[in-house]
Amino acid sequence: MDYEILSAVFNAADAMRPEAPILHEDLQKLMDPDSLQLETWPANVGNHFELDLGDVAADFSAAKVTVETTTTTKAVHQGYIEPHAGTARWSEDGRLTVWSSGQGYFAVRDAVAALLARKARQAVKIAMPRIDVFEGTGPASGTQITIKLGATEDGRLTAARSHGLRGGRVSWFIRHGGRPLCVLAL
């Protein structure tokens, strides 16, 4: 097997730079195959959306006071109390019952439990050990958020702009076979 050594990238902003190594050539098409704006996204961006209300540039020009700040957060794991588990059972009449603690990401786990239950002709439970939950999942990525506010002299807000980046983990894609989530730009 041949490997290509790529330079390391440790945050979403650096992953979006033109010189950053591209992690997946078709990432944007996989994440949003119907988008007509794929060519305008920076490299390594898995999702991008913008929301504009009003004439923000004019509102900032009219503001007497502006304040702008950037903050970052580290990746965290919420430490869910419930296990990542699914149990499936096929009844004699061919009906399938699935009990799942998932929040939408575990369709593959539950489908596998269902197929195994059908073959075994009894209930099958698939559960991720606690250590794997902490090492192999990470629902809250680190972020970088910039907020700019414009206001009148008496403090009434007249304009606001925010820009957020959320980094993802390629290991999630590789380990769990789900859709890759690399970067979200707000």
Protein backbone atom coordinates (compact mmCIF):
# COMPACT_ATOMS: atom_id res chain seq x y z
CA MET A 1 0.00 0.00 0.00
CA ASP A 2 1.29 3.47 -0.87
CA TYR A 3 0.73 6.42 1.42
CA GLU A 4 0.92 10.12 0.66
CA ILE A 5 2.14 12.16 3.62
CA LEU A 6 -0.01 15.28 3.96
CA SER A 7 0.62 18.30 6.12
CA ALA A 8 -1.37 18.35 9.36
CA VAL A 9 -4.41 20.58 9.74
CA PHE A 10 -5.85 21.07 13.23
CA ASN A 11 -8.80 23.44 12.83
CA ALA A 12 -11.58 24.32 10.41
CA ALA A 13 -10.12 27.67 9.36
CA ASP A 14 -6.81 26.08 8.35
CA ALA A 15 -8.61 23.23 6.55
CA MET A 16 -10.34 25.81 4.33
CA ARG A 17 -7.13 27.53 3.19
CA PRO A 18 -6.21 27.03 -0.48
CA GLU A 19 -2.92 25.32 0.43
CA ALA A 20 -4.58 22.82 2.82
CA PRO A 21 -4.48 19.16 1.79
CA ILE A 22 -7.82 18.06 0.34
CA LEU A 23 -9.18 15.25 2.49
CA HIS A 24 -11.85 14.00 0.09
CA GLU A 25 -12.03 15.08 -3.56
CA ASP A 26 -15.81 14.59 -3.78
CA LEU A 27 -16.76 15.71 -0.27
CA GLN A 28 -19.09 18.52 -1.35
CA LYS A 29 -20.92 16.33 -3.86
CA LEU A 30 -21.40 13.64 -1.19
CA MET A 31 -22.68 16.09 1.40
CA ASP A 32 -24.97 18.13 -0.87
CA PRO A 33 -25.31 16.51 -4.30
CA ASP A 34 -28.08 18.91 -5.38
CA SER A 35 -26.19 22.12 -4.65
CA LEU A 36 -25.59 24.42 -7.59
CA GLN A 37 -22.89 26.33 -5.70
CA LEU A 38 -20.30 23.62 -5.10
CA GLU A 39 -17.56 25.43 -6.98
CA THR A 40 -17.87 28.45 -4.65
CA TRP A 41 -17.18 26.50 -1.45
CA PRO A 42 -13.67 26.41 -0.01
CA ALA A 43 -11.89 23.04 -0.07
CA ASN A 44 -12.74 20.54 2.67
CA VAL A 45 -16.14 22.13 3.35
CA GLY A 46 -18.88 19.56 3.87
CA ASN A 47 -21.72 22.07 4.26
CA HIS A 48 -22.12 25.79 3.72
CA PHE A 49 -25.09 28.07 4.07
CA GLU A 50 -25.74 31.78 4.35
CA LEU A 51 -28.69 33.72 5.70
CA ASP A 52 -29.02 37.43 4.95
CA LEU A 53 -31.74 39.70 6.35
CA GLY A 54 -31.84 43.32 5.25
CA ASP A 55 -28.94 45.46 4.07
CA VAL A 56 -26.26 44.56 6.60
CA ALA A 57 -23.57 46.76 5.01
CA ALA A 58 -25.82 49.83 5.14
CA ASP A 59 -26.88 49.06 8.71
CA PHE A 60 -23.23 48.87 9.83
CA SER A 61 -22.44 52.11 8.01
CA ALA A 62 -25.25 53.82 9.91
CA ALA A 63 -24.17 52.43 13.28
CA LYS A 64 -22.41 54.85 15.62
CA VAL A 65 -20.70 52.05 17.56
CA THR A 66 -19.46 48.65 16.36
CA VAL A 67 -18.02 45.80 18.38
CA GLU A 68 -16.48 42.64 16.97
CA THR A 69 -15.06 39.62 18.76
CA THR A 70 -13.98 36.08 17.94
CA THR A 71 -14.15 33.15 20.31
CA THR A 72 -13.27 29.49 20.02
CA THR A 73 -14.45 26.35 21.73
CA LYS A 74 -12.77 22.97 22.02
CA ALA A 75 -14.36 19.73 20.92
CA VAL A 76 -16.38 18.17 23.75
CA HIS A 77 -18.33 15.02 24.34
CA GLN A 78 -21.60 15.35 26.19
CA GLY A 79 -21.20 11.95 27.85
CA TYR A 80 -24.69 10.69 27.12
CA ILE A 81 -26.27 8.71 29.93
CA GLU A 82 -28.02 6.28 27.60
CA PRO A 83 -25.90 3.69 25.79
CA HIS A 84 -25.48 3.71 22.02
CA ALA A 85 -27.58 0.62 21.56
CA GLY A 86 -30.29 -0.89 19.43
CA THR A 87 -32.39 -4.01 19.85
CA ALA A 88 -34.43 -5.57 17.07
CA ARG A 89 -36.95 -8.42 17.04
CA TRP A 90 -38.92 -10.02 14.22
CA SER A 91 -42.26 -11.44 15.31
CA GLU A 92 -43.86 -14.61 13.95
CA ASP A 93 -46.10 -12.54 11.65
CA GLY A 94 -43.08 -10.86 10.02
CA ARG A 95 -43.31 -7.56 11.86
CA LEU A 96 -40.11 -5.86 12.93
CA THR A 97 -39.80 -3.97 16.22
CA VAL A 98 -36.70 -1.84 16.87
CA TRP A 99 -35.82 -0.22 20.19
CA SER A 100 -33.14 2.41 19.71
CA SER A 101 -31.41 5.02 21.84
CA GLY A 102 -30.09 6.80 18.76
CA GLN A 103 -30.51 10.40 17.74
CA GLY A 104 -30.61 9.77 14.01
CA TYR A 105 -27.04 8.62 13.34
CA PHE A 106 -27.46 4.96 14.14
CA ALA A 107 -29.62 3.69 11.30
CA VAL A 108 -26.84 1.31 10.23
CA ARG A 109 -26.53 -0.19 13.72
CA ASP A 110 -30.29 -0.74 13.96
CA ALA A 111 -30.49 -2.19 10.46
CA VAL A 112 -27.72 -4.66 11.28
CA ALA A 113 -29.52 -5.67 14.49
CA ALA A 114 -32.70 -6.20 12.46
CA LEU A 115 -30.97 -8.40 9.89
CA LEU A 116 -29.24 -10.45 12.58
CA ALA A 117 -32.52 -10.84 14.49
CA ARG A 118 -34.23 -12.14 11.38
CA LYS A 119 -31.49 -14.70 10.82
CA ALA A 120 -31.30 -15.70 14.51
CA ARG A 121 -35.10 -15.76 14.89
CA GLN A 122 -34.77 -14.03 18.22
CA ALA A 123 -34.12 -10.54 19.55
CA VAL A 124 -30.64 -9.15 18.88
CA LYS A 125 -29.07 -6.23 20.71
CA ILE A 126 -26.08 -4.25 19.44
CA ALA A 127 -24.50 -1.91 21.99
CA MET A 128 -21.40 0.23 21.76
CA PRO A 129 -19.17 -0.21 24.81
CA ARG A 130 -18.79 2.97 26.89
CA ILE A 131 -15.13 3.39 26.02
CA ASP A 132 -16.01 3.30 22.29
CA VAL A 133 -18.72 5.90 22.83
CA PHE A 134 -16.12 8.32 24.18
CA GLU A 135 -13.32 7.40 21.79
CA GLY A 136 -15.32 6.81 18.61
CA THR A 137 -18.03 9.45 18.75
CA GLY A 138 -17.83 13.16 19.30
CA PRO A 139 -21.04 15.01 18.65
CA ALA A 140 -19.82 18.50 19.52
CA SER A 141 -16.92 19.69 17.40
CA GLY A 142 -14.73 22.66 18.21
CA THR A 143 -15.92 25.99 16.83
CA GLN A 144 -14.66 29.42 15.88
CA ILE A 145 -17.34 32.11 16.04
CA THR A 146 -16.97 35.77 15.09
CA ILE A 147 -19.75 38.19 16.05
CA LYS A 148 -19.98 41.81 14.95
CA LEU A 149 -22.67 44.17 16.31
CA GLY A 150 -23.61 47.70 15.31
CA ALA A 151 -25.58 50.04 17.55
CA THR A 152 -26.81 53.59 17.98
CA GLU A 153 -25.20 55.86 20.59
CA ASP A 154 -27.90 54.89 23.11
CA GLY A 155 -27.19 51.15 22.63
CA ARG A 156 -30.02 50.10 20.30
CA LEU A 157 -28.74 47.30 18.05
CA THR A 158 -29.00 48.14 14.36
CA ALA A 159 -26.84 45.50 12.70
CA ALA A 160 -25.44 42.06 13.41
CA ARG A 161 -23.23 39.61 11.57
CA SER A 162 -21.89 36.25 12.64
CA HIS A 163 -19.53 33.81 11.02
CA GLY A 164 -19.09 30.36 12.46
CA LEU A 165 -16.87 27.44 11.63
CA ARG A 166 -17.34 23.99 13.06
CA GLY A 167 -14.69 21.38 12.56
CA GLY A 168 -15.50 17.74 12.08
CA ARG A 169 -13.72 14.48 12.38
CA VAL A 170 -12.71 12.34 9.45
CA SER A 171 -12.30 9.46 11.91
CA TRP A 172 -16.09 9.47 12.36
CA PHE A 173 -16.52 8.82 8.67
CA ILE A 174 -13.87 6.13 8.55
CA ARG A 175 -14.82 4.33 11.75
CA HIS A 176 -18.59 4.39 11.43
CA GLY A 177 -19.07 4.49 7.67
CA GLY A 178 -21.50 7.41 7.89
CA ARG A 179 -21.59 10.57 5.85
CA PRO A 180 -18.40 12.61 6.35
CA LEU A 181 -18.75 15.81 8.31
CA CYS A 182 -15.69 17.97 7.89
CA VAL A 183 -16.57 21.62 8.15
CA LEU A 184 -19.74 23.66 8.59
CA ALA A 185 -19.49 27.32 7.65
CA LEU A 186 -22.29 29.63 8.79
